[in-house]
Amino acid sequence: MRRRAVLGVGVLAAVGAVVRPLPAPKRVAGCAEWGARVPVEEQAVVLRRPERILVHHTATENVLDTSERHAFELARFFQRLHTDDRGWGDTGQHFTISRGGVLLEGRYGSLAALRQGDRLVEGAHCPGQNRTSIGIENEGTYVSEVPPARQWDALVWLCARVCRQYDIPPTEIHGHRDFYADTVCPGDAFYALLPRLRADVALAV
């Protein structure tokens, strides 16, 4: 059984007020599908399972465009930003979720590693956690707003899949700020929902 929040004025509201089956997204769009560039350097693969999931927000505009086209453009934007401006070699996070709930592979090789279930690609999403955690970036700024329902549903589904594949307990879902003091990520409003996220994922695993 899954728990889905009630949608109110485009954002998640009355979380937990309605109970019904959670629709699983059809797929995670891989790097080739959204038009990723070849990484400028080979990504290191850590030959062990990650220990936790770190939830991020992109701190970008809370756009109304929920299309797949927009999501693919978003993925290309972050790859350029992280590669060209920050020198990270590729997208920093392992996965990205658009406000429309489109699931995207971020760092090259992350989806293949998830399918294998015994390794992860070293990320660039949180100092000290890049070899031990899966980073999931959520489009938007959630300091005072909360994620839209479709984005929330996709996040629950993806977290549940990651937890199943890697045998991560849902209690090991954390916010970026839990391991990096110099950030408010994933935003105060989103961070306050992490207990609900853990509970929803526990039901979905």
N, C-alpha and C. Protein backbone atom coordinates (compact mmCIF):
# COMPACT_ATOMS: atom_id res chain seq x y z
N MET A 1 0.85 -1.18 0.00
CA MET A 1 0.00 0.00 0.00
C MET A 1 0.89 1.23 0.00
N ARG A 2 0.50 2.24 -0.74
CA ARG A 2 1.28 3.45 -0.85
C ARG A 2 0.47 4.63 -0.31
N ARG A 3 1.18 5.67 0.09
CA ARG A 3 0.51 6.88 0.55
C ARG A 3 0.83 8.00 -0.43
N ARG A 4 -0.19 8.70 -0.86
CA ARG A 4 -0.01 9.78 -1.83
C ARG A 4 -0.63 11.04 -1.25
N ALA A 5 0.09 12.14 -1.37
CA ALA A 5 -0.40 13.40 -0.83
C ALA A 5 -1.47 13.99 -1.72
N VAL A 6 -2.30 14.83 -1.13
CA VAL A 6 -3.34 15.53 -1.87
C VAL A 6 -2.74 16.75 -2.53
N LEU A 7 -2.99 16.93 -3.81
CA LEU A 7 -2.45 18.05 -4.54
C LEU A 7 -3.27 19.29 -4.26
N GLY A 8 -2.59 20.39 -3.90
CA GLY A 8 -3.29 21.64 -3.65
C GLY A 8 -2.54 22.80 -4.23
N VAL A 9 -3.14 23.47 -5.19
CA VAL A 9 -2.58 24.64 -5.87
C VAL A 9 -1.16 24.33 -6.34
N GLY A 10 -1.01 23.19 -6.96
CA GLY A 10 0.25 22.83 -7.59
C GLY A 10 1.33 22.33 -6.67
N VAL A 11 1.08 22.22 -5.39
CA VAL A 11 2.09 21.73 -4.47
C VAL A 11 1.53 20.61 -3.63
N LEU A 12 2.40 19.87 -2.99
CA LEU A 12 1.98 18.79 -2.11
C LEU A 12 1.37 19.40 -0.86
N ALA A 13 0.14 18.99 -0.55
CA ALA A 13 -0.54 19.52 0.62
C ALA A 13 -1.26 18.40 1.31
N ALA A 14 -1.59 18.61 2.57
CA ALA A 14 -2.30 17.61 3.37
C ALA A 14 -1.66 16.25 3.23
N VAL A 15 -0.35 16.21 3.42
CA VAL A 15 0.39 14.97 3.21
C VAL A 15 -0.18 13.86 4.08
N GLY A 16 -0.45 12.71 3.46
CA GLY A 16 -0.96 11.56 4.18
C GLY A 16 -2.46 11.53 4.34
N ALA A 17 -3.18 12.50 3.75
CA ALA A 17 -4.62 12.58 3.94
C ALA A 17 -5.37 11.57 3.10
N VAL A 18 -4.77 11.10 2.00
CA VAL A 18 -5.42 10.17 1.10
C VAL A 18 -4.53 8.94 0.95
N VAL A 19 -5.13 7.77 0.95
CA VAL A 19 -4.38 6.53 0.78
C VAL A 19 -4.88 5.84 -0.47
N ARG A 20 -3.97 5.57 -1.42
CA ARG A 20 -4.31 4.84 -2.63
C ARG A 20 -3.03 4.34 -3.27
N PRO A 21 -3.10 3.39 -4.19
CA PRO A 21 -1.88 2.86 -4.79
C PRO A 21 -1.07 3.95 -5.47
N LEU A 22 0.23 3.88 -5.30
CA LEU A 22 1.13 4.85 -5.90
C LEU A 22 1.51 4.40 -7.31
N PRO A 23 1.24 5.21 -8.35
CA PRO A 23 1.61 4.81 -9.70
C PRO A 23 3.12 4.89 -9.88
N ALA A 24 3.73 3.81 -10.33
CA ALA A 24 5.17 3.80 -10.54
C ALA A 24 5.50 4.45 -11.89
N PRO A 25 6.48 5.33 -11.94
CA PRO A 25 6.91 5.88 -13.22
C PRO A 25 7.36 4.76 -14.16
N LYS A 26 7.21 5.00 -15.46
CA LYS A 26 7.51 3.96 -16.43
C LYS A 26 9.00 3.67 -16.53
N ARG A 27 9.84 4.69 -16.34
CA ARG A 27 11.27 4.47 -16.54
C ARG A 27 12.08 5.61 -15.95
N VAL A 28 13.36 5.35 -15.82
CA VAL A 28 14.33 6.40 -15.55
C VAL A 28 15.03 6.68 -16.87
N ALA A 29 14.95 7.90 -17.36
CA ALA A 29 15.59 8.25 -18.63
C ALA A 29 17.10 8.27 -18.44
N GLY A 30 17.79 7.43 -19.20
CA GLY A 30 19.23 7.35 -19.09
C GLY A 30 19.93 8.52 -19.75
N CYS A 31 21.22 8.63 -19.52
CA CYS A 31 22.00 9.74 -20.06
C CYS A 31 21.89 9.85 -21.58
N ALA A 32 21.94 8.72 -22.27
CA ALA A 32 21.85 8.76 -23.72
C ALA A 32 20.51 9.30 -24.18
N GLU A 33 19.45 8.98 -23.44
CA GLU A 33 18.11 9.40 -23.85
C GLU A 33 17.94 10.91 -23.74
N TRP A 34 18.48 11.52 -22.68
CA TRP A 34 18.30 12.97 -22.56
C TRP A 34 19.39 13.78 -23.24
N GLY A 35 20.32 13.11 -23.89
CA GLY A 35 21.31 13.81 -24.70
C GLY A 35 22.54 14.27 -23.95
N ALA A 36 23.00 13.46 -23.01
CA ALA A 36 24.19 13.83 -22.25
C ALA A 36 25.43 13.84 -23.12
N ARG A 37 26.35 14.70 -22.79
CA ARG A 37 27.67 14.67 -23.39
C ARG A 37 28.47 13.52 -22.76
N VAL A 38 29.46 13.05 -23.46
CA VAL A 38 30.36 12.06 -22.88
C VAL A 38 31.13 12.74 -21.76
N PRO A 39 31.19 12.15 -20.57
CA PRO A 39 31.93 12.79 -19.47
C PRO A 39 33.37 13.09 -19.86
N VAL A 40 33.90 14.20 -19.34
CA VAL A 40 35.25 14.60 -19.70
C VAL A 40 36.30 13.70 -19.06
N GLU A 41 35.90 12.95 -18.06
CA GLU A 41 36.83 12.00 -17.43
C GLU A 41 36.05 10.77 -17.00
N GLU A 42 36.74 9.65 -16.94
CA GLU A 42 36.09 8.40 -16.53
C GLU A 42 35.68 8.49 -15.06
N GLN A 43 34.46 8.07 -14.78
CA GLN A 43 33.95 8.16 -13.42
C GLN A 43 34.38 6.94 -12.61
N ALA A 44 34.84 7.20 -11.39
CA ALA A 44 35.28 6.11 -10.52
C ALA A 44 34.07 5.30 -10.06
N VAL A 45 34.22 4.00 -10.02
CA VAL A 45 33.18 3.10 -9.54
C VAL A 45 33.63 2.52 -8.20
N VAL A 46 32.76 2.65 -7.20
CA VAL A 46 33.04 2.12 -5.87
C VAL A 46 32.42 0.73 -5.79
N LEU A 47 33.20 -0.27 -5.54
CA LEU A 47 32.72 -1.66 -5.58
C LEU A 47 32.15 -2.10 -4.24
N ARG A 48 31.18 -1.35 -3.78
CA ARG A 48 30.40 -1.73 -2.61
C ARG A 48 29.08 -0.96 -2.66
N ARG A 49 28.13 -1.42 -1.88
CA ARG A 49 26.83 -0.77 -1.87
C ARG A 49 26.88 0.55 -1.10
N PRO A 50 26.11 1.54 -1.56
CA PRO A 50 26.02 2.77 -0.78
C PRO A 50 25.28 2.53 0.53
N GLU A 51 25.48 3.42 1.47
CA GLU A 51 24.91 3.25 2.80
C GLU A 51 23.64 4.07 3.02
N ARG A 52 23.43 5.08 2.19
CA ARG A 52 22.29 5.97 2.43
C ARG A 52 21.92 6.71 1.16
N ILE A 53 20.80 7.43 1.24
CA ILE A 53 20.33 8.32 0.17
C ILE A 53 20.35 9.74 0.71
N LEU A 54 20.87 10.67 -0.07
CA LEU A 54 20.82 12.09 0.28
C LEU A 54 19.88 12.80 -0.69
N VAL A 55 18.92 13.53 -0.12
CA VAL A 55 17.92 14.26 -0.90
C VAL A 55 18.36 15.71 -1.03
N HIS A 56 18.31 16.21 -2.26
CA HIS A 56 18.70 17.59 -2.57
C HIS A 56 17.56 18.32 -3.27
N HIS A 57 17.61 19.65 -3.26
CA HIS A 57 16.83 20.44 -4.20
C HIS A 57 17.80 21.23 -5.07
N THR A 58 17.35 21.61 -6.26
CA THR A 58 18.25 22.29 -7.19
C THR A 58 18.39 23.77 -6.88
N ALA A 59 17.50 24.32 -6.03
CA ALA A 59 17.49 25.75 -5.71
C ALA A 59 17.30 26.58 -6.98
N THR A 60 16.49 26.07 -7.90
CA THR A 60 16.13 26.78 -9.11
C THR A 60 14.65 27.16 -9.05
N GLU A 61 14.20 27.85 -10.08
CA GLU A 61 12.81 28.33 -10.12
C GLU A 61 11.81 27.17 -10.05
N ASN A 62 10.71 27.41 -9.37
CA ASN A 62 9.63 26.41 -9.31
C ASN A 62 8.76 26.57 -10.56
N VAL A 63 9.24 26.03 -11.65
CA VAL A 63 8.62 26.22 -12.95
C VAL A 63 7.30 25.46 -13.05
N LEU A 64 6.47 25.88 -13.99
CA LEU A 64 5.20 25.22 -14.25
C LEU A 64 5.30 24.19 -15.37
N ASP A 65 6.39 24.23 -16.13
CA ASP A 65 6.58 23.30 -17.25
C ASP A 65 6.92 21.92 -16.70
N THR A 66 6.01 20.99 -16.88
CA THR A 66 6.22 19.63 -16.37
C THR A 66 6.52 18.63 -17.48
N SER A 67 6.86 19.13 -18.66
CA SER A 67 7.05 18.25 -19.82
C SER A 67 8.36 17.48 -19.74
N GLU A 68 8.40 16.38 -20.47
CA GLU A 68 9.63 15.61 -20.58
C GLU A 68 10.70 16.42 -21.28
N ARG A 69 10.31 17.20 -22.26
CA ARG A 69 11.27 18.04 -22.97
C ARG A 69 11.99 18.98 -22.00
N HIS A 70 11.22 19.62 -21.13
CA HIS A 70 11.84 20.51 -20.14
C HIS A 70 12.78 19.73 -19.23
N ALA A 71 12.36 18.54 -18.80
CA ALA A 71 13.20 17.73 -17.92
C ALA A 71 14.53 17.39 -18.58
N PHE A 72 14.50 17.05 -19.86
CA PHE A 72 15.73 16.73 -20.57
C PHE A 72 16.63 17.95 -20.68
N GLU A 73 16.03 19.13 -20.92
CA GLU A 73 16.80 20.37 -20.97
C GLU A 73 17.44 20.65 -19.61
N LEU A 74 16.70 20.37 -18.55
CA LEU A 74 17.21 20.56 -17.19
C LEU A 74 18.44 19.67 -16.96
N ALA A 75 18.35 18.42 -17.38
CA ALA A 75 19.48 17.50 -17.20
C ALA A 75 20.71 17.98 -17.95
N ARG A 76 20.51 18.47 -19.18
CA ARG A 76 21.65 18.98 -19.95
C ARG A 76 22.23 20.23 -19.30
N PHE A 77 21.36 21.10 -18.75
CA PHE A 77 21.82 22.31 -18.07
C PHE A 77 22.73 21.96 -16.90
N PHE A 78 22.31 21.01 -16.08
CA PHE A 78 23.11 20.67 -14.91
C PHE A 78 24.41 19.97 -15.29
N GLN A 79 24.39 19.19 -16.36
CA GLN A 79 25.65 18.59 -16.78
C GLN A 79 26.64 19.67 -17.22
N ARG A 80 26.16 20.67 -17.97
CA ARG A 80 27.04 21.78 -18.38
C ARG A 80 27.55 22.54 -17.16
N LEU A 81 26.64 22.86 -16.23
CA LEU A 81 27.01 23.61 -15.04
C LEU A 81 28.06 22.87 -14.21
N HIS A 82 27.81 21.61 -13.97
CA HIS A 82 28.70 20.85 -13.10
C HIS A 82 30.03 20.52 -13.78
N THR A 83 30.00 20.36 -15.09
CA THR A 83 31.22 20.03 -15.82
C THR A 83 32.04 21.27 -16.15
N ASP A 84 31.40 22.24 -16.78
CA ASP A 84 32.12 23.40 -17.30
C ASP A 84 32.43 24.44 -16.22
N ASP A 85 31.48 24.69 -15.33
CA ASP A 85 31.67 25.73 -14.32
C ASP A 85 32.30 25.22 -13.03
N ARG A 86 31.96 24.00 -12.64
CA ARG A 86 32.43 23.49 -11.36
C ARG A 86 33.54 22.46 -11.47
N GLY A 87 33.78 21.98 -12.67
CA GLY A 87 34.90 21.08 -12.89
C GLY A 87 34.74 19.71 -12.27
N TRP A 88 33.51 19.22 -12.20
CA TRP A 88 33.25 17.94 -11.55
C TRP A 88 33.33 16.75 -12.51
N GLY A 89 33.59 17.01 -13.78
CA GLY A 89 33.74 15.92 -14.74
C GLY A 89 32.44 15.42 -15.33
N ASP A 90 31.33 15.61 -14.63
CA ASP A 90 30.01 15.17 -15.09
C ASP A 90 28.99 15.73 -14.10
N THR A 91 27.72 15.42 -14.32
CA THR A 91 26.68 15.80 -13.37
C THR A 91 27.03 15.27 -11.99
N GLY A 92 26.84 16.09 -10.96
CA GLY A 92 27.26 15.71 -9.62
C GLY A 92 26.40 14.64 -8.98
N GLN A 93 25.08 14.76 -9.14
CA GLN A 93 24.16 13.84 -8.48
C GLN A 93 23.93 12.59 -9.33
N HIS A 94 23.50 11.53 -8.69
CA HIS A 94 23.25 10.28 -9.41
C HIS A 94 21.95 10.33 -10.20
N PHE A 95 20.92 10.97 -9.63
CA PHE A 95 19.61 11.03 -10.29
C PHE A 95 19.00 12.41 -10.08
N THR A 96 18.14 12.79 -11.02
CA THR A 96 17.42 14.06 -10.95
C THR A 96 15.94 13.78 -11.19
N ILE A 97 15.09 14.53 -10.50
CA ILE A 97 13.64 14.41 -10.69
C ILE A 97 13.09 15.80 -10.99
N SER A 98 12.43 15.93 -12.13
CA SER A 98 11.84 17.22 -12.49
C SER A 98 10.57 17.47 -11.68
N ARG A 99 10.08 18.69 -11.72
CA ARG A 99 8.84 19.01 -11.01
C ARG A 99 7.65 18.27 -11.60
N GLY A 100 7.78 17.82 -12.83
CA GLY A 100 6.73 17.01 -13.43
C GLY A 100 6.84 15.54 -13.12
N GLY A 101 7.84 15.16 -12.33
CA GLY A 101 8.01 13.76 -11.96
C GLY A 101 8.78 12.93 -12.96
N VAL A 102 9.47 13.58 -13.90
CA VAL A 102 10.29 12.84 -14.86
C VAL A 102 11.60 12.44 -14.16
N LEU A 103 11.91 11.16 -14.22
CA LEU A 103 13.10 10.61 -13.58
C LEU A 103 14.25 10.55 -14.57
N LEU A 104 15.42 11.03 -14.14
CA LEU A 104 16.56 11.14 -15.03
C LEU A 104 17.82 10.59 -14.36
N GLU A 105 18.58 9.83 -15.12
CA GLU A 105 19.92 9.49 -14.66
C GLU A 105 20.74 10.77 -14.69
N GLY A 106 21.53 10.99 -13.65
CA GLY A 106 22.38 12.17 -13.61
C GLY A 106 23.80 11.82 -14.01
N ARG A 107 24.57 11.35 -13.06
CA ARG A 107 25.96 10.99 -13.33
C ARG A 107 26.02 9.72 -14.17
N TYR A 108 26.84 9.76 -15.20
CA TYR A 108 26.93 8.65 -16.15
C TYR A 108 27.28 7.35 -15.43
N GLY A 109 26.54 6.30 -15.74
CA GLY A 109 26.78 4.99 -15.17
C GLY A 109 25.99 4.69 -13.92
N SER A 110 25.26 5.70 -13.40
CA SER A 110 24.52 5.50 -12.15
C SER A 110 23.40 4.48 -12.30
N LEU A 111 22.72 4.50 -13.45
CA LEU A 111 21.60 3.58 -13.66
C LEU A 111 22.09 2.14 -13.79
N ALA A 112 23.18 1.95 -14.52
CA ALA A 112 23.74 0.60 -14.65
C ALA A 112 24.21 0.07 -13.30
N ALA A 113 24.82 0.93 -12.50
CA ALA A 113 25.28 0.51 -11.17
C ALA A 113 24.10 0.13 -10.29
N LEU A 114 23.01 0.90 -10.39
CA LEU A 114 21.81 0.59 -9.61
C LEU A 114 21.25 -0.77 -10.00
N ARG A 115 21.22 -1.05 -11.29
CA ARG A 115 20.70 -2.33 -11.75
C ARG A 115 21.55 -3.50 -11.24
N GLN A 116 22.86 -3.29 -11.15
CA GLN A 116 23.73 -4.35 -10.64
C GLN A 116 23.56 -4.55 -9.14
N GLY A 117 23.33 -3.45 -8.43
CA GLY A 117 22.99 -3.55 -7.02
C GLY A 117 24.13 -3.80 -6.06
N ASP A 118 25.36 -3.76 -6.54
CA ASP A 118 26.49 -4.04 -5.65
C ASP A 118 27.60 -3.00 -5.75
N ARG A 119 27.31 -1.87 -6.38
CA ARG A 119 28.31 -0.83 -6.60
C ARG A 119 27.64 0.51 -6.83
N LEU A 120 28.42 1.58 -6.76
CA LEU A 120 27.90 2.89 -7.12
C LEU A 120 29.00 3.67 -7.82
N VAL A 121 28.57 4.62 -8.65
CA VAL A 121 29.50 5.55 -9.27
C VAL A 121 29.79 6.65 -8.25
N GLU A 122 31.05 6.97 -8.07
CA GLU A 122 31.40 8.04 -7.13
C GLU A 122 30.75 9.35 -7.59
N GLY A 123 30.01 9.99 -6.70
CA GLY A 123 29.31 11.20 -7.05
C GLY A 123 30.11 12.46 -6.77
N ALA A 124 29.42 13.61 -6.89
CA ALA A 124 30.01 14.91 -6.55
C ALA A 124 28.88 15.79 -6.02
N HIS A 125 28.15 15.27 -5.03
CA HIS A 125 26.97 15.98 -4.54
C HIS A 125 27.05 16.38 -3.09
N CYS A 126 28.01 15.82 -2.33
CA CYS A 126 28.15 16.18 -0.91
C CYS A 126 29.54 15.77 -0.42
N PRO A 127 30.35 16.72 0.01
CA PRO A 127 31.68 16.36 0.51
C PRO A 127 31.60 15.31 1.62
N GLY A 128 32.43 14.31 1.51
CA GLY A 128 32.48 13.26 2.51
C GLY A 128 31.47 12.15 2.32
N GLN A 129 30.55 12.33 1.36
CA GLN A 129 29.49 11.34 1.15
C GLN A 129 29.45 10.80 -0.27
N ASN A 130 30.36 11.24 -1.10
CA ASN A 130 30.28 10.91 -2.52
C ASN A 130 30.59 9.45 -2.85
N ARG A 131 31.25 8.75 -1.94
CA ARG A 131 31.56 7.34 -2.15
C ARG A 131 30.68 6.42 -1.31
N THR A 132 29.76 7.00 -0.55
CA THR A 132 28.94 6.19 0.35
C THR A 132 27.45 6.45 0.23
N SER A 133 27.04 7.38 -0.63
CA SER A 133 25.61 7.73 -0.70
C SER A 133 25.17 7.96 -2.13
N ILE A 134 23.86 7.78 -2.35
CA ILE A 134 23.21 8.11 -3.62
C ILE A 134 22.59 9.49 -3.49
N GLY A 135 22.95 10.39 -4.40
CA GLY A 135 22.40 11.74 -4.39
C GLY A 135 21.25 11.87 -5.37
N ILE A 136 20.10 12.32 -4.86
CA ILE A 136 18.91 12.52 -5.70
C ILE A 136 18.56 14.00 -5.66
N GLU A 137 18.65 14.65 -6.81
CA GLU A 137 18.37 16.08 -6.94
C GLU A 137 16.93 16.27 -7.39
N ASN A 138 16.21 17.17 -6.72
CA ASN A 138 14.82 17.47 -7.05
C ASN A 138 14.71 18.90 -7.55
N GLU A 139 14.20 19.05 -8.75
CA GLU A 139 14.08 20.38 -9.34
C GLU A 139 13.20 21.28 -8.48
N GLY A 140 13.68 22.49 -8.22
CA GLY A 140 12.87 23.46 -7.50
C GLY A 140 13.57 24.00 -6.27
N THR A 141 12.91 24.97 -5.63
CA THR A 141 13.38 25.55 -4.38
C THR A 141 12.31 25.32 -3.33
N TYR A 142 12.67 24.63 -2.25
CA TYR A 142 11.66 24.19 -1.28
C TYR A 142 11.95 24.70 0.13
N VAL A 143 12.26 25.99 0.19
CA VAL A 143 12.46 26.64 1.48
C VAL A 143 11.11 26.88 2.15
N SER A 144 10.15 27.39 1.38
CA SER A 144 8.81 27.66 1.92
C SER A 144 7.72 26.89 1.20
N GLU A 145 8.00 26.35 0.04
CA GLU A 145 7.06 25.51 -0.71
C GLU A 145 7.49 24.05 -0.59
N VAL A 146 6.54 23.17 -0.88
CA VAL A 146 6.86 21.74 -0.88
C VAL A 146 6.74 21.19 -2.29
N PRO A 147 7.34 20.03 -2.58
CA PRO A 147 7.33 19.50 -3.94
C PRO A 147 5.93 19.18 -4.43
N PRO A 148 5.70 19.33 -5.75
CA PRO A 148 4.43 18.91 -6.34
C PRO A 148 4.22 17.41 -6.17
N ALA A 149 2.98 17.00 -6.24
CA ALA A 149 2.64 15.59 -5.99
C ALA A 149 3.34 14.63 -6.95
N ARG A 150 3.42 14.99 -8.23
CA ARG A 150 4.06 14.07 -9.18
C ARG A 150 5.55 13.91 -8.89
N GLN A 151 6.16 14.99 -8.47
CA GLN A 151 7.58 14.89 -8.09
C GLN A 151 7.75 14.04 -6.84
N TRP A 152 6.87 14.26 -5.88
CA TRP A 152 6.91 13.46 -4.65
C TRP A 152 6.74 11.97 -4.94
N ASP A 153 5.74 11.65 -5.75
CA ASP A 153 5.49 10.25 -6.09
C ASP A 153 6.71 9.61 -6.75
N ALA A 154 7.33 10.36 -7.67
CA ALA A 154 8.51 9.84 -8.35
C ALA A 154 9.67 9.65 -7.38
N LEU A 155 9.80 10.57 -6.43
CA LEU A 155 10.87 10.45 -5.43
C LEU A 155 10.66 9.23 -4.55
N VAL A 156 9.42 9.01 -4.11
CA VAL A 156 9.13 7.82 -3.30
C VAL A 156 9.47 6.56 -4.08
N TRP A 157 9.04 6.51 -5.33
CA TRP A 157 9.30 5.33 -6.17
C TRP A 157 10.79 5.09 -6.33
N LEU A 158 11.54 6.16 -6.64
CA LEU A 158 12.97 6.01 -6.87
C LEU A 158 13.70 5.62 -5.58
N CYS A 159 13.35 6.27 -4.48
CA CYS A 159 13.98 5.91 -3.20
C CYS A 159 13.70 4.45 -2.86
N ALA A 160 12.47 4.01 -3.10
CA ALA A 160 12.13 2.61 -2.82
C ALA A 160 12.94 1.66 -3.68
N ARG A 161 13.13 2.02 -4.95
CA ARG A 161 13.93 1.17 -5.83
C ARG A 161 15.38 1.12 -5.37
N VAL A 162 15.92 2.28 -5.02
CA VAL A 162 17.31 2.33 -4.54
C VAL A 162 17.46 1.51 -3.26
N CYS A 163 16.50 1.67 -2.35
CA CYS A 163 16.56 0.92 -1.09
C CYS A 163 16.50 -0.58 -1.34
N ARG A 164 15.63 -1.01 -2.26
CA ARG A 164 15.52 -2.44 -2.57
C ARG A 164 16.81 -2.98 -3.18
N GLN A 165 17.31 -2.26 -4.19
CA GLN A 165 18.48 -2.74 -4.92
C GLN A 165 19.72 -2.82 -4.04
N TYR A 166 19.87 -1.83 -3.17
CA TYR A 166 21.09 -1.74 -2.37
C TYR A 166 20.91 -2.18 -0.92
N ASP A 167 19.71 -2.63 -0.59
CA ASP A 167 19.43 -3.06 0.78
C ASP A 167 19.70 -1.93 1.79
N ILE A 168 19.24 -0.73 1.44
CA ILE A 168 19.36 0.43 2.31
C ILE A 168 18.06 0.57 3.10
N PRO A 169 18.10 0.65 4.42
CA PRO A 169 16.87 0.88 5.18
C PRO A 169 16.34 2.29 4.93
N PRO A 170 15.03 2.48 4.81
CA PRO A 170 14.47 3.81 4.59
C PRO A 170 14.86 4.83 5.66
N THR A 171 15.23 4.36 6.84
CA THR A 171 15.71 5.27 7.88
C THR A 171 17.00 5.97 7.48
N GLU A 172 17.67 5.45 6.44
CA GLU A 172 18.91 6.07 5.96
C GLU A 172 18.67 7.00 4.78
N ILE A 173 17.48 7.61 4.73
CA ILE A 173 17.20 8.69 3.78
C ILE A 173 17.37 10.00 4.53
N HIS A 174 18.26 10.84 4.06
CA HIS A 174 18.62 12.07 4.76
C HIS A 174 18.59 13.26 3.81
N GLY A 175 18.65 14.44 4.39
CA GLY A 175 18.80 15.66 3.62
C GLY A 175 20.27 16.02 3.46
N HIS A 176 20.58 16.75 2.41
CA HIS A 176 21.94 17.21 2.15
C HIS A 176 22.52 17.89 3.39
N ARG A 177 21.71 18.72 4.05
CA ARG A 177 22.19 19.49 5.20
C ARG A 177 22.63 18.61 6.38
N ASP A 178 22.14 17.39 6.42
CA ASP A 178 22.52 16.50 7.52
C ASP A 178 24.01 16.16 7.51
N PHE A 179 24.63 16.28 6.33
CA PHE A 179 26.04 15.91 6.20
C PHE A 179 26.90 17.06 5.69
N TYR A 180 26.30 18.23 5.51
CA TYR A 180 27.06 19.40 5.04
C TYR A 180 26.42 20.64 5.65
N ALA A 181 27.11 21.23 6.62
CA ALA A 181 26.51 22.30 7.42
C ALA A 181 26.29 23.59 6.64
N ASP A 182 27.07 23.81 5.59
CA ASP A 182 27.02 25.08 4.88
C ASP A 182 25.96 25.08 3.78
N THR A 183 24.77 24.56 4.08
CA THR A 183 23.67 24.56 3.11
C THR A 183 22.34 24.42 3.83
N VAL A 184 21.28 24.94 3.20
CA VAL A 184 19.92 24.71 3.71
C VAL A 184 19.24 23.61 2.91
N CYS A 185 19.93 23.07 1.93
CA CYS A 185 19.40 22.02 1.05
C CYS A 185 18.92 20.81 1.86
N PRO A 186 17.75 20.28 1.58
CA PRO A 186 16.85 20.52 0.44
C PRO A 186 15.77 21.58 0.67
N GLY A 187 16.02 22.54 1.54
CA GLY A 187 15.03 23.56 1.86
C GLY A 187 14.24 23.18 3.10
N ASP A 188 13.86 24.19 3.89
CA ASP A 188 13.19 23.92 5.16
C ASP A 188 11.88 23.15 5.00
N ALA A 189 11.07 23.55 4.01
CA ALA A 189 9.77 22.90 3.83
C ALA A 189 9.94 21.44 3.42
N PHE A 190 10.87 21.19 2.53
CA PHE A 190 11.14 19.82 2.06
C PHE A 190 11.76 18.99 3.18
N TYR A 191 12.69 19.58 3.89
CA TYR A 191 13.37 18.86 4.97
C TYR A 191 12.37 18.39 6.02
N ALA A 192 11.37 19.22 6.29
CA ALA A 192 10.35 18.86 7.28
C ALA A 192 9.53 17.65 6.85
N LEU A 193 9.54 17.34 5.54
CA LEU A 193 8.80 16.20 5.02
C LEU A 193 9.61 14.91 5.00
N LEU A 194 10.86 14.96 5.38
CA LEU A 194 11.68 13.74 5.30
C LEU A 194 11.16 12.59 6.17
N PRO A 195 10.62 12.85 7.36
CA PRO A 195 10.01 11.72 8.10
C PRO A 195 8.88 11.05 7.32
N ARG A 196 8.06 11.86 6.64
CA ARG A 196 6.99 11.31 5.80
C ARG A 196 7.58 10.54 4.62
N LEU A 197 8.65 11.06 4.04
CA LEU A 197 9.29 10.36 2.93
C LEU A 197 9.79 8.99 3.37
N ARG A 198 10.43 8.93 4.51
CA ARG A 198 10.92 7.64 5.02
C ARG A 198 9.76 6.66 5.22
N ALA A 199 8.65 7.18 5.76
CA ALA A 199 7.49 6.32 6.00
C ALA A 199 6.88 5.83 4.69
N ASP A 200 6.75 6.73 3.71
CA ASP A 200 6.18 6.35 2.42
C ASP A 200 7.06 5.33 1.71
N VAL A 201 8.37 5.54 1.78
CA VAL A 201 9.29 4.60 1.14
C VAL A 201 9.23 3.24 1.83
N ALA A 202 9.13 3.24 3.14
CA ALA A 202 9.04 1.97 3.88
C ALA A 202 7.82 1.17 3.43
N LEU A 203 6.74 1.84 3.10
CA LEU A 203 5.54 1.16 2.61
C LEU A 203 5.71 0.67 1.17
N ALA A 204 6.59 1.35 0.42
CA ALA A 204 6.75 1.02 -1.00
C ALA A 204 7.83 -0.02 -1.26
N VAL A 205 8.72 -0.23 -0.31
CA VAL A 205 9.83 -1.17 -0.53
C VAL A 205 9.30 -2.62 -0.61
